[in-house]
Amino acid sequence: MPDKVVTRFAPSPTGFLHIGGARTALFNWLYAKHTGGIMLLRIEDTDRERSTDAATAAILDGLSWLGLTWDGEPVSQFERAPRHREVAEELVRMGKAYYSYETPAELEAMREAARAKGLPPRYNGQWRDRAPSEAPAGVKGAIRIKAPTEGETVVHDRVQGEVRFPNKDLDDFIILRSDGNPTYMHAVVVDDHDMGVTHIIRGDDHLTNAARQTVIYRAMGWDVPSMSHIPLIHGADGAKLSKRHGALGVEAYRAMGYLPEALLNYLARLGWSHGDDEIMSIKDMISWFDIGDVNKGAARFDFAKLEALNGVHMRRMSDAELFDIFIATLPYLEGGPAMATRLDDRNKAQLLAALPGLKERAKTLVELVDGAAFLFATRPLPIDDKAALLLNDDARKILRGAHDALNAVSGDWTAAAAEAAIRDYAQAGGHKLGAVAQPLRAALTGKSTSPGVFDVLAVLGREESLARIADQID
């Protein structure tokens, strides 16, 4: 094993950092952290028509939000094109690659001839051993690698096992196009070698590329990195992950109110496990992760599981930590920006005080926004349909008595003092506690569910609580 493990995450900036890419980044990051190595970042921006600066920024932002930090500056593949050309030309000088001069029409005819014989469309190697002096005048050729024609190329994969590719299927593929631009296949090898990458961890849709890339490594006499091709993520129905399944950019998960740590925990468990451990901290994952433990089979993405896991992480987090994350994420959450504009020291303190009760009922930060809305509501409160049903005439009569009982509380206004007053009132009037608590909750929050009603009274304070109840009985 090399002195230091070097992994890399190499996204194409043609869109956001989607969930499958986030998991690939996570596995690279975890393996690097677990082994005391480093993870590098390379932006594979050679497709100039589809690559955008906005997509690059979104990928960097998504990784940063998840906490998947990389070492050093991100490398642009496009900017390294002169180096890719240099290596391709060196392979020609070494007799390991050659110029070929077919027109697109000739290549198409070659493919058609192969199909007619029932063979896969392969390049026939017709320029492989011809003298350069035979090159047509004024035509720039493409550079093709001399792939081995006999035997097989073996990829030693830590996830897929030993995968064998018959060399007759590889053909002499292009490494430098006739316009002087490198192919993806070639650029990846040169970059990984120059960046000192020791371990390649990527999706198993790259497995066939691994054989061709191995041919380039060997032609240059370079060490082939350790390869691990991880299974793709499928939807809950077993089909390849698409938008409808949750193949969204990670920024969508931030907007839906998921915690980075919970999302990473969920992604780590897609295709990898550690005994029966479901809930893992970042520290746990780093300590336990090994790429050799990843399953071969595709994993299924399930929103219900992610949501449940997120709720567990929220409840396990300290109130102060959850509060900080919640405030920082508010601008991205549904209903969050409106709440953020109304934050002042007083309702920040109320929010922190209400968090223990709020987080018991919320599985996402969006549900937390919803749950905390009563703190920011202006009187008279909007009453939702379910709460309105709890405020019938009989309930309003009970509320009047509850208002008087609470108004009579002397000394400190606490949840315990409010609870004692309401229990005494309910008992004296022959009411069940729920018959008093439910209309109280509706009057105080405008909803039929909330944290414990006595906690709500304590958080809102005497003046606001009594005023909200009075609004419903006047």
Protein backbone atom coordinates (compact mmCIF):
# COMPACT_ATOMS: atom_id res chain seq x y z
CA MET A 1 0.00 0.00 0.00
CA PRO A 2 1.32 3.53 -0.81
CA ASP A 3 2.51 5.76 2.04
CA LYS A 4 -0.63 7.85 1.97
CA VAL A 5 -4.08 7.14 0.57
CA VAL A 6 -5.18 9.78 -1.96
CA THR A 7 -8.79 9.62 -3.17
CA ARG A 8 -10.53 12.05 -5.48
CA PHE A 9 -14.05 13.18 -6.27
CA ALA A 10 -14.39 14.21 -9.91
CA PRO A 11 -17.84 15.60 -10.80
CA SER A 12 -18.83 17.06 -14.19
CA PRO A 13 -20.21 20.60 -13.77
CA THR A 14 -23.20 20.09 -16.06
CA GLY A 15 -25.75 20.34 -13.23
CA PHE A 16 -26.07 20.28 -9.46
CA LEU A 17 -24.39 17.85 -7.09
CA HIS A 18 -27.01 15.10 -7.25
CA ILE A 19 -27.57 12.54 -4.53
CA GLY A 20 -25.59 9.75 -6.24
CA GLY A 21 -22.62 12.08 -6.66
CA ALA A 22 -22.91 13.11 -3.00
CA ARG A 23 -22.64 9.46 -1.94
CA THR A 24 -19.59 8.91 -4.19
CA ALA A 25 -17.98 11.99 -2.61
CA LEU A 26 -18.88 10.66 0.85
CA PHE A 27 -17.30 7.24 0.22
CA ASN A 28 -14.10 8.89 -1.09
CA TRP A 29 -14.03 11.27 1.89
CA LEU A 30 -14.73 8.54 4.47
CA TYR A 31 -12.07 6.23 3.04
CA ALA A 32 -9.50 9.05 3.03
CA LYS A 33 -10.38 10.05 6.61
CA HIS A 34 -10.46 6.42 7.82
CA THR A 35 -6.95 5.75 6.47
CA GLY A 36 -5.45 9.12 7.43
CA GLY A 37 -5.24 10.10 3.75
CA ILE A 38 -6.56 13.03 1.72
CA MET A 39 -9.39 13.62 -0.78
CA LEU A 40 -8.77 15.82 -3.81
CA LEU A 41 -11.40 17.51 -5.95
CA ARG A 42 -11.28 17.65 -9.75
CA ILE A 43 -13.90 19.39 -11.86
CA GLU A 44 -14.25 17.43 -15.11
CA ASP A 45 -15.17 20.40 -17.26
CA THR A 46 -13.90 19.22 -20.67
CA ASP A 47 -17.46 19.27 -22.09
CA ARG A 48 -17.35 23.01 -22.77
CA GLU A 49 -20.89 23.24 -24.13
CA ARG A 50 -22.54 21.76 -21.04
CA SER A 51 -20.12 22.86 -18.28
CA THR A 52 -21.11 26.02 -16.43
CA ASP A 53 -19.60 28.12 -13.65
CA ALA A 54 -22.98 28.08 -11.89
CA ALA A 55 -22.93 24.27 -11.77
CA THR A 56 -19.35 24.27 -10.44
CA ALA A 57 -20.38 26.74 -7.72
CA ALA A 58 -23.43 24.58 -6.86
CA ILE A 59 -21.23 21.46 -6.53
CA LEU A 60 -18.74 23.24 -4.25
CA ASP A 61 -21.62 24.70 -2.21
CA GLY A 62 -23.29 21.28 -1.89
CA LEU A 63 -20.07 19.60 -0.73
CA SER A 64 -19.40 22.41 1.75
CA TRP A 65 -22.93 22.21 3.17
CA LEU A 66 -22.50 18.45 3.66
CA GLY A 67 -19.13 19.07 5.33
CA LEU A 68 -17.25 16.98 2.74
CA THR A 69 -14.13 19.13 2.64
CA TRP A 70 -11.42 18.48 0.06
CA ASP A 71 -7.67 19.06 0.28
CA GLY A 72 -5.96 21.74 -1.81
CA GLU A 73 -7.53 23.74 -4.63
CA PRO A 74 -10.07 22.14 -7.00
CA VAL A 75 -8.36 21.08 -10.25
CA SER A 76 -9.93 22.01 -13.62
CA GLN A 77 -9.55 19.18 -16.13
CA PHE A 78 -10.03 21.55 -19.07
CA GLU A 79 -7.08 23.70 -18.00
CA ARG A 80 -4.83 20.61 -18.10
CA ALA A 81 -5.46 19.89 -21.82
CA PRO A 82 -1.83 20.77 -22.83
CA ARG A 83 -0.56 18.09 -20.41
CA HIS A 84 -3.06 15.54 -21.81
CA ARG A 85 -1.79 16.28 -25.35
CA GLU A 86 1.82 15.95 -24.20
CA VAL A 87 1.21 12.43 -22.81
CA ALA A 88 -0.70 11.34 -25.95
CA GLU A 89 2.20 12.49 -28.14
CA GLU A 90 4.68 10.77 -25.83
CA LEU A 91 2.74 7.51 -26.30
CA VAL A 92 3.11 7.93 -30.10
CA ARG A 93 6.90 8.46 -29.73
CA MET A 94 7.07 5.31 -27.57
CA GLY A 95 5.26 3.32 -30.27
CA LYS A 96 2.33 2.71 -27.88
CA ALA A 97 -0.12 4.89 -29.83
CA TYR A 98 -0.49 6.10 -33.43
CA TYR A 99 -2.18 8.69 -35.64
CA SER A 100 -5.21 7.56 -37.64
CA TYR A 101 -6.75 9.57 -40.44
CA GLU A 102 -10.28 8.30 -41.09
CA THR A 103 -13.06 10.71 -42.01
CA PRO A 104 -16.36 10.42 -40.08
CA ALA A 105 -17.87 8.82 -43.20
CA GLU A 106 -15.14 6.15 -43.33
CA LEU A 107 -15.62 5.37 -39.63
CA GLU A 108 -19.38 5.00 -40.15
CA ALA A 109 -18.78 2.63 -43.10
CA MET A 110 -16.43 0.57 -40.88
CA ARG A 111 -19.15 0.31 -38.19
CA GLU A 112 -21.76 -0.68 -40.78
CA ALA A 113 -19.51 -3.41 -42.20
CA ALA A 114 -19.00 -4.83 -38.68
CA ARG A 115 -22.75 -4.76 -37.98
CA ALA A 116 -23.45 -6.52 -41.29
CA LYS A 117 -21.23 -9.38 -40.11
CA GLY A 118 -23.03 -9.44 -36.76
CA LEU A 119 -19.94 -8.07 -34.95
CA PRO A 120 -19.84 -5.21 -32.45
CA PRO A 121 -18.80 -1.91 -34.09
CA ARG A 122 -15.04 -1.74 -33.44
CA TYR A 123 -12.24 0.25 -35.02
CA ASN A 124 -10.33 -2.12 -37.33
CA GLY A 125 -6.82 -0.80 -36.60
CA GLN A 126 -6.06 0.01 -40.23
CA TRP A 127 -3.58 2.81 -39.38
CA ARG A 128 -1.94 0.85 -36.55
CA ASP A 129 1.13 -0.22 -38.49
CA ARG A 130 1.15 2.15 -41.48
CA ALA A 131 4.01 4.52 -41.98
CA PRO A 132 3.33 8.15 -41.01
CA SER A 133 4.55 9.09 -44.51
CA GLU A 134 1.28 7.62 -45.85
CA ALA A 135 -0.75 10.25 -43.99
CA PRO A 136 -2.98 12.31 -46.30
CA ALA A 137 -1.60 15.81 -46.89
CA GLY A 138 -3.04 18.58 -44.71
CA VAL A 139 -5.18 16.23 -42.58
CA LYS A 140 -4.72 16.23 -38.81
CA GLY A 141 -5.06 12.75 -37.42
CA ALA A 142 -6.54 11.54 -34.16
CA ILE A 143 -4.28 9.61 -31.77
CA ARG A 144 -5.36 6.07 -30.90
CA ILE A 145 -3.82 3.84 -28.23
CA LYS A 146 -2.49 0.43 -29.29
CA ALA A 147 -4.74 -1.77 -27.17
CA PRO A 148 -3.57 -5.36 -26.60
CA THR A 149 -5.27 -7.67 -29.11
CA GLU A 150 -4.91 -10.98 -27.27
CA GLY A 151 -5.61 -12.20 -23.75
CA GLU A 152 -7.59 -10.12 -21.31
CA THR A 153 -7.35 -7.01 -19.18
CA VAL A 154 -8.14 -7.69 -15.53
CA VAL A 155 -9.53 -5.03 -13.20
CA HIS A 156 -8.90 -5.93 -9.55
CA ASP A 157 -11.90 -4.24 -7.98
CA ARG A 158 -12.35 -4.02 -4.21
CA VAL A 159 -16.14 -3.98 -4.53
CA GLN A 160 -16.84 -5.97 -7.71
CA GLY A 161 -14.02 -8.51 -7.30
CA GLU A 162 -11.82 -9.52 -10.22
CA VAL A 163 -13.44 -8.37 -13.48
CA ARG A 164 -12.02 -9.70 -16.76
CA PHE A 165 -12.35 -7.98 -20.15
CA PRO A 166 -11.34 -9.85 -23.35
CA ASN A 167 -8.85 -7.56 -25.12
CA LYS A 168 -10.44 -8.25 -28.51
CA ASP A 169 -13.41 -6.17 -27.27
CA LEU A 170 -11.35 -3.09 -26.34
CA ASP A 171 -10.17 -1.89 -29.81
CA ASP A 172 -7.73 0.98 -30.41
CA PHE A 173 -9.76 3.80 -28.91
CA ILE A 174 -9.04 7.51 -29.46
CA ILE A 175 -7.09 9.32 -26.72
CA LEU A 176 -6.59 12.64 -28.59
CA ARG A 177 -9.11 13.90 -31.12
CA SER A 178 -8.00 15.34 -34.44
CA ASP A 179 -8.81 18.86 -33.13
CA GLY A 180 -6.15 18.34 -30.44
CA ASN A 181 -8.62 17.84 -27.57
CA PRO A 182 -8.15 14.85 -25.26
CA THR A 183 -10.91 12.31 -24.75
CA TYR A 184 -12.39 11.87 -21.27
CA MET A 185 -10.90 8.36 -21.10
CA HIS A 186 -7.37 9.70 -21.51
CA ALA A 187 -7.69 12.92 -19.48
CA VAL A 188 -8.89 10.99 -16.41
CA VAL A 189 -5.83 8.71 -16.42
CA VAL A 190 -3.32 11.55 -16.84
CA ASP A 191 -5.02 13.61 -14.12
CA ASP A 192 -5.28 10.74 -11.65
CA HIS A 193 -1.62 9.88 -12.19
CA ASP A 194 -0.38 13.48 -11.92
CA MET A 195 -2.52 14.14 -8.82
CA GLY A 196 -1.04 11.06 -7.13
CA VAL A 197 -4.42 9.34 -6.76
CA THR A 198 -3.94 5.93 -5.14
CA HIS A 199 -7.60 4.85 -4.81
CA ILE A 200 -10.34 5.44 -7.38
CA ILE A 201 -13.84 5.12 -5.90
CA ARG A 202 -16.66 5.83 -8.36
CA GLY A 203 -19.97 4.53 -9.71
CA ASP A 204 -20.05 1.08 -11.32
CA ASP A 205 -21.23 2.70 -14.57
CA HIS A 206 -17.48 3.40 -15.01
CA LEU A 207 -16.46 -0.25 -14.72
CA THR A 208 -16.02 -0.77 -18.49
CA ASN A 209 -13.96 2.46 -18.61
CA ALA A 210 -11.65 0.93 -16.00
CA ALA A 211 -10.39 -1.67 -18.51
CA ARG A 212 -9.59 0.97 -21.16
CA GLN A 213 -7.98 3.24 -18.57
CA THR A 214 -5.85 0.32 -17.35
CA VAL A 215 -4.53 -0.02 -20.94
CA ILE A 216 -3.33 3.63 -20.84
CA TYR A 217 -1.71 3.23 -17.40
CA ARG A 218 0.20 0.18 -18.58
CA ALA A 219 1.27 1.81 -21.85
CA MET A 220 2.81 4.66 -19.82
CA GLY A 221 4.35 2.25 -17.31
CA TRP A 222 2.39 3.88 -14.49
CA ASP A 223 0.98 2.10 -11.41
CA VAL A 224 -2.74 1.36 -11.76
CA PRO A 225 -4.58 2.79 -8.71
CA SER A 226 -6.74 0.58 -6.52
CA MET A 227 -10.23 0.53 -8.10
CA SER A 228 -13.59 0.37 -6.32
CA HIS A 229 -16.75 0.63 -8.42
CA ILE A 230 -19.74 1.21 -6.17
CA PRO A 231 -23.30 0.22 -7.16
CA LEU A 232 -25.69 2.88 -8.39
CA ILE A 233 -28.64 4.04 -6.29
CA HIS A 234 -32.10 2.96 -7.43
CA GLY A 235 -35.54 4.26 -6.50
CA ALA A 236 -37.73 2.45 -3.96
CA ASP A 237 -39.35 0.62 -6.93
CA GLY A 238 -35.97 -0.79 -8.05
CA ALA A 239 -35.73 1.36 -11.20
CA LYS A 240 -32.68 3.57 -11.87
CA LEU A 241 -32.89 6.69 -9.70
CA SER A 242 -34.67 9.55 -11.45
CA LYS A 243 -36.08 12.95 -10.43
CA ARG A 244 -39.32 11.37 -9.23
CA HIS A 245 -37.37 9.07 -6.88
CA GLY A 246 -35.27 11.79 -5.32
CA ALA A 247 -32.40 12.21 -7.80
CA LEU A 248 -32.33 15.86 -6.83
CA GLY A 249 -29.44 18.19 -6.13
CA VAL A 250 -28.33 18.23 -2.50
CA GLU A 251 -29.56 21.83 -2.21
CA ALA A 252 -33.09 20.41 -2.57
CA TYR A 253 -32.50 18.27 0.52
CA ARG A 254 -31.35 21.35 2.42
CA ALA A 255 -34.57 23.13 1.37
CA MET A 256 -36.62 20.11 2.51
CA GLY A 257 -35.10 20.50 5.96
CA TYR A 258 -32.70 17.57 6.24
CA LEU A 259 -29.63 17.85 8.46
CA PRO A 260 -26.28 17.29 6.67
CA GLU A 261 -25.27 14.68 9.26
CA ALA A 262 -28.54 12.73 8.83
CA LEU A 263 -28.28 12.83 5.03
CA LEU A 264 -24.68 11.55 5.20
CA ASN A 265 -25.75 8.81 7.65
CA TYR A 266 -28.51 7.78 5.22
CA LEU A 267 -26.22 7.87 2.15
CA ALA A 268 -23.51 5.86 3.93
CA ARG A 269 -26.07 3.15 4.66
CA LEU A 270 -26.99 2.95 0.94
CA GLY A 271 -24.75 0.08 -0.08
CA TRP A 272 -22.61 -0.10 3.07
CA SER A 273 -23.35 -1.27 6.58
CA HIS A 274 -21.68 -1.79 9.92
CA GLY A 275 -23.41 -4.63 11.73
CA ASP A 276 -26.89 -3.55 12.77
CA ASP A 277 -25.91 0.08 13.35
CA GLU A 278 -28.50 2.36 11.74
CA ILE A 279 -27.74 5.66 13.49
CA MET A 280 -24.17 6.84 12.97
CA SER A 281 -22.34 10.05 13.75
CA ILE A 282 -19.70 11.36 11.33
CA LYS A 283 -17.07 10.13 13.81
CA ASP A 284 -18.61 6.62 13.79
CA MET A 285 -18.64 6.50 10.00
CA ILE A 286 -14.99 7.55 9.73
CA SER A 287 -13.96 4.97 12.30
CA TRP A 288 -15.97 2.10 10.78
CA PHE A 289 -15.85 2.69 7.03
CA ASP A 290 -13.92 0.45 4.69
CA ILE A 291 -14.47 0.45 0.93
CA GLY A 292 -14.11 -3.35 0.81
CA ASP A 293 -17.35 -3.64 2.83
CA VAL A 294 -19.53 -1.97 0.19
CA ASN A 295 -22.15 -4.28 -1.37
CA LYS A 296 -22.15 -5.14 -5.06
CA GLY A 297 -25.91 -4.78 -5.46
CA ALA A 298 -27.75 -1.51 -6.13
CA ALA A 299 -29.18 0.25 -3.08
CA ARG A 300 -32.74 1.62 -2.93
CA PHE A 301 -33.46 5.22 -1.98
CA ASP A 302 -36.37 5.56 0.45
CA PHE A 303 -37.60 9.01 1.55
CA ALA A 304 -39.56 7.62 4.51
CA LYS A 305 -36.37 6.06 5.95
CA LEU A 306 -34.40 9.26 5.39
CA GLU A 307 -37.11 11.29 7.14
CA ALA A 308 -37.25 8.94 10.13
CA LEU A 309 -33.46 8.98 10.42
CA ASN A 310 -33.44 12.78 10.23
CA GLY A 311 -35.94 12.94 13.11
CA VAL A 312 -33.66 10.75 15.24
CA HIS A 313 -30.65 12.98 14.51
CA MET A 314 -32.69 16.10 15.40
CA ARG A 315 -33.77 14.61 18.74
CA ARG A 316 -30.24 13.45 19.57
CA MET A 317 -28.75 16.88 18.90
CA SER A 318 -28.34 19.36 21.74
CA ASP A 319 -30.90 22.20 21.68
CA ALA A 320 -28.14 24.78 21.19
CA GLU A 321 -26.63 22.92 18.21
CA LEU A 322 -30.01 22.32 16.56
CA PHE A 323 -30.95 25.96 17.17
CA ASP A 324 -27.78 27.18 15.39
CA ILE A 325 -28.34 24.89 12.39
CA PHE A 326 -32.03 25.86 12.24
CA ILE A 327 -31.26 29.61 12.23
CA ALA A 328 -28.52 29.16 9.59
CA THR A 329 -30.83 27.08 7.36
CA LEU A 330 -33.94 29.27 7.68
CA PRO A 331 -33.30 31.24 4.45
CA TYR A 332 -33.44 27.96 2.44
CA LEU A 333 -36.52 26.39 4.08
CA GLU A 334 -40.12 26.61 2.95
CA GLY A 335 -41.67 29.35 5.11
CA GLY A 336 -38.21 30.04 6.54
CA PRO A 337 -37.35 33.42 4.96
CA ALA A 338 -40.54 35.01 6.38
CA MET A 339 -39.65 33.67 9.84
CA ALA A 340 -36.02 34.82 9.50
CA THR A 341 -37.10 38.44 8.89
CA ARG A 342 -39.06 38.44 12.17
CA LEU A 343 -36.32 37.02 14.38
CA ASP A 344 -35.34 39.24 17.27
CA ASP A 345 -33.65 38.49 20.57
CA ARG A 346 -36.96 37.92 22.35
CA ASN A 347 -38.37 35.32 19.97
CA LYS A 348 -34.95 33.71 19.52
CA ALA A 349 -34.99 33.08 23.28
CA GLN A 350 -38.57 31.76 23.01
CA LEU A 351 -37.59 29.48 20.14
CA LEU A 352 -34.66 28.03 22.09
CA ALA A 353 -36.93 27.48 25.11
CA ALA A 354 -39.57 25.76 22.92
CA LEU A 355 -37.07 23.52 21.07
CA PRO A 356 -37.20 20.50 23.43
CA GLY A 357 -40.94 20.19 22.80
CA LEU A 358 -40.80 21.15 19.12
CA LYS A 359 -38.09 18.66 18.13
CA GLU A 360 -40.01 15.74 19.64
CA ARG A 361 -42.69 16.27 16.98
CA ALA A 362 -40.60 17.25 13.96
CA LYS A 363 -38.77 14.99 11.52
CA THR A 364 -37.36 17.83 9.37
CA LEU A 365 -36.41 21.47 9.82
CA VAL A 366 -39.41 22.39 7.62
CA GLU A 367 -41.67 20.69 10.18
CA LEU A 368 -39.81 22.69 12.82
CA VAL A 369 -40.68 25.92 10.98
CA ASP A 370 -44.28 24.79 10.95
CA GLY A 371 -44.20 23.81 14.61
CA ALA A 372 -42.55 27.06 15.71
CA ALA A 373 -44.87 29.30 13.67
CA PHE A 374 -47.08 29.98 16.72
CA LEU A 375 -44.20 31.88 18.36
CA PHE A 376 -44.07 34.34 15.47
CA ALA A 377 -47.81 34.68 14.83
CA THR A 378 -49.39 38.11 15.26
CA ARG A 379 -52.72 38.45 17.06
CA PRO A 380 -55.44 37.63 16.37
CA LEU A 381 -54.00 34.23 15.40
CA PRO A 382 -55.06 32.50 12.17
CA ILE A 383 -56.87 29.32 13.31
CA ASP A 384 -56.52 26.23 11.09
CA ASP A 385 -59.52 23.99 10.31
CA LYS A 386 -58.71 21.28 12.87
CA ALA A 387 -58.15 23.86 15.62
CA ALA A 388 -61.41 25.65 14.71
CA LEU A 389 -63.32 22.41 15.42
CA LEU A 390 -61.89 22.44 18.96
CA LEU A 391 -63.19 25.96 19.58
CA ASN A 392 -66.96 25.32 19.65
CA ASP A 393 -69.31 27.12 22.03
CA ASP A 394 -68.83 24.64 24.88
CA ALA A 395 -65.07 24.88 24.52
CA ARG A 396 -65.19 28.67 24.62
CA LYS A 397 -67.05 28.51 27.94
CA ILE A 398 -64.31 26.27 29.32
CA LEU A 399 -61.70 28.68 27.93
CA ARG A 400 -63.26 31.59 29.85
CA GLY A 401 -62.77 29.71 33.11
CA ALA A 402 -59.23 28.71 32.10
CA HIS A 403 -58.44 32.36 31.35
CA ASP A 404 -59.61 33.39 34.83
CA ALA A 405 -57.60 30.57 36.45
CA LEU A 406 -54.43 31.54 34.63
CA ASN A 407 -54.99 35.23 35.26
CA ALA A 408 -54.99 34.43 38.97
CA VAL A 409 -51.53 32.79 38.88
CA SER A 410 -49.31 34.77 41.22
CA GLY A 411 -45.53 34.64 41.41
CA ASP A 412 -43.35 33.28 38.60
CA TRP A 413 -45.09 32.32 35.34
CA THR A 414 -43.76 28.80 34.71
CA ALA A 415 -45.03 25.64 33.02
CA ALA A 416 -45.49 24.08 36.48
CA ALA A 417 -47.47 27.06 37.82
CA ALA A 418 -49.70 27.12 34.71
CA GLU A 419 -50.25 23.36 34.91
CA ALA A 420 -51.24 23.53 38.62
CA ALA A 421 -53.76 26.30 37.89
CA ILE A 422 -55.35 24.41 34.94
CA ARG A 423 -55.50 21.09 36.81
CA ASP A 424 -57.22 22.74 39.80
CA TYR A 425 -59.69 24.46 37.46
CA ALA A 426 -60.45 21.23 35.53
CA GLN A 427 -60.97 19.26 38.73
CA ALA A 428 -63.19 21.92 40.33
CA GLY A 429 -65.35 22.15 37.18
CA GLY A 430 -65.54 18.37 36.64
CA HIS A 431 -63.74 18.63 33.28
CA LYS A 432 -61.27 16.10 31.91
CA LEU A 433 -57.84 17.69 31.51
CA GLY A 434 -57.98 17.16 27.72
CA ALA A 435 -61.26 19.09 27.49
CA VAL A 436 -59.40 22.14 28.83
CA ALA A 437 -56.00 21.54 27.21
CA GLN A 438 -57.27 21.05 23.65
CA PRO A 439 -59.14 24.37 23.25
CA LEU A 440 -56.26 26.07 25.12
CA ARG A 441 -53.79 24.71 22.56
CA ALA A 442 -56.00 25.85 19.67
CA ALA A 443 -56.30 29.36 21.16
CA LEU A 444 -52.58 29.66 21.91
CA THR A 445 -51.14 28.23 18.68
CA GLY A 446 -53.96 28.23 16.10
CA LYS A 447 -53.32 24.51 15.62
CA SER A 448 -54.53 21.20 17.03
CA THR A 449 -50.99 19.91 17.66
CA SER A 450 -48.05 21.61 19.38
CA PRO A 451 -45.51 21.00 22.11
CA GLY A 452 -47.04 20.41 25.56
CA VAL A 453 -49.62 23.13 26.21
CA PHE A 454 -48.06 24.13 29.55
CA ASP A 455 -44.68 24.52 27.85
CA VAL A 456 -46.39 26.71 25.25
CA LEU A 457 -47.86 28.89 28.02
CA ALA A 458 -44.41 29.22 29.65
CA VAL A 459 -42.66 30.07 26.37
CA LEU A 460 -45.25 32.65 25.26
CA GLY A 461 -45.25 34.36 28.67
CA ARG A 462 -48.16 35.64 30.79
CA GLU A 463 -49.18 38.67 28.77
CA GLU A 464 -49.17 37.06 25.30
CA SER A 465 -50.82 33.83 26.55
CA LEU A 466 -53.71 35.64 28.25
CA ALA A 467 -54.18 37.95 25.24
CA ARG A 468 -54.35 35.01 22.78
CA ILE A 469 -56.91 33.19 24.94
CA ALA A 470 -58.94 36.40 25.32
CA ASP A 471 -59.04 36.80 21.51
CA GLN A 472 -60.99 33.49 21.29
CA ILE A 473 -63.52 34.21 24.03
CA ASP A 474 -64.44 37.83 23.34
